[in-house]
Amino acid sequence: MSAELARFQELLIEVLREETDPERALDRLRAHPDAAAHRDWLDRVEPRMLRVAAGLVRRWEVREG
């Protein structure tokens, strides 16, 4: 895995954990320099997918913690 992809994945998990509004999460991801290489993907992401992903991140975190 490239370091660039690893940074983006860490950012994605952080944003999904912290943001409850999918539109705000998407805006935050688009604005972050670590997401620059993934801008095309972000432009195609459905906000509802981010809502589902955020729920999964929070559930897994509870199990892990």
Protein backbone atom coordinates (compact mmCIF):
# COMPACT_ATOMS: atom_id res chain seq x y z
CA MET A 1 0.00 0.00 0.00
CA SER A 2 1.30 3.43 -0.84
CA ALA A 3 1.91 6.00 1.87
CA GLU A 4 -0.50 8.32 0.04
CA LEU A 5 -3.32 5.79 0.20
CA ALA A 6 -2.57 5.03 3.86
CA ARG A 7 -2.84 8.75 4.74
CA PHE A 8 -6.14 9.01 2.88
CA GLN A 9 -7.54 5.94 4.64
CA GLU A 10 -6.54 7.34 8.04
CA LEU A 11 -8.21 10.63 7.14
CA LEU A 12 -11.35 8.86 5.95
CA ILE A 13 -11.67 6.86 9.18
CA GLU A 14 -11.07 10.00 11.28
CA VAL A 15 -13.72 11.99 9.40
CA LEU A 16 -16.24 9.15 9.49
CA ARG A 17 -15.71 8.82 13.24
CA GLU A 18 -16.08 12.54 13.96
CA GLU A 19 -18.72 13.85 11.55
CA THR A 20 -22.40 13.04 11.92
CA ASP A 21 -23.49 14.93 8.81
CA PRO A 22 -22.44 13.17 5.58
CA GLU A 23 -22.37 16.41 3.56
CA ARG A 24 -20.06 18.01 6.11
CA ALA A 25 -17.89 14.89 6.09
CA LEU A 26 -17.64 15.04 2.31
CA ASP A 27 -16.77 18.74 2.38
CA ARG A 28 -14.10 18.09 4.97
CA LEU A 29 -12.60 15.25 2.93
CA ARG A 30 -12.59 17.31 -0.27
CA ALA A 31 -10.82 20.18 1.50
CA HIS A 32 -8.02 18.09 2.99
CA PRO A 33 -4.70 17.89 1.11
CA ASP A 34 -4.35 14.16 1.89
CA ALA A 35 -7.45 13.55 -0.23
CA ALA A 36 -6.23 15.41 -3.32
CA ALA A 37 -5.32 12.25 -5.24
CA HIS A 38 -8.80 10.84 -4.55
CA ARG A 39 -10.81 13.87 -5.60
CA ASP A 40 -12.45 12.06 -8.54
CA TRP A 41 -13.69 9.32 -6.22
CA LEU A 42 -14.94 11.87 -3.70
CA ASP A 43 -16.85 13.68 -6.44
CA ARG A 44 -18.76 10.45 -7.16
CA VAL A 45 -19.46 9.45 -3.55
CA GLU A 46 -23.07 9.40 -2.43
CA PRO A 47 -23.53 11.12 0.94
CA ARG A 48 -25.72 8.23 2.08
CA MET A 49 -22.75 5.87 1.58
CA LEU A 50 -20.76 8.04 4.00
CA ARG A 51 -23.62 7.81 6.51
CA VAL A 52 -23.53 4.00 6.36
CA ALA A 53 -19.73 3.91 6.50
CA ALA A 54 -19.71 6.25 9.51
CA GLY A 55 -22.12 3.94 11.32
CA LEU A 56 -19.86 0.97 10.65
CA VAL A 57 -16.76 2.83 11.85
CA ARG A 58 -18.49 3.74 15.09
CA ARG A 59 -19.74 0.17 15.65
CA TRP A 60 -16.32 -1.35 15.00
CA GLU A 61 -14.71 1.18 17.30
CA VAL A 62 -17.03 0.17 20.14
CA ARG A 63 -16.13 -3.50 19.60
CA GLU A 64 -12.40 -2.74 19.40
CA GLY A 65 -12.37 -0.43 22.42
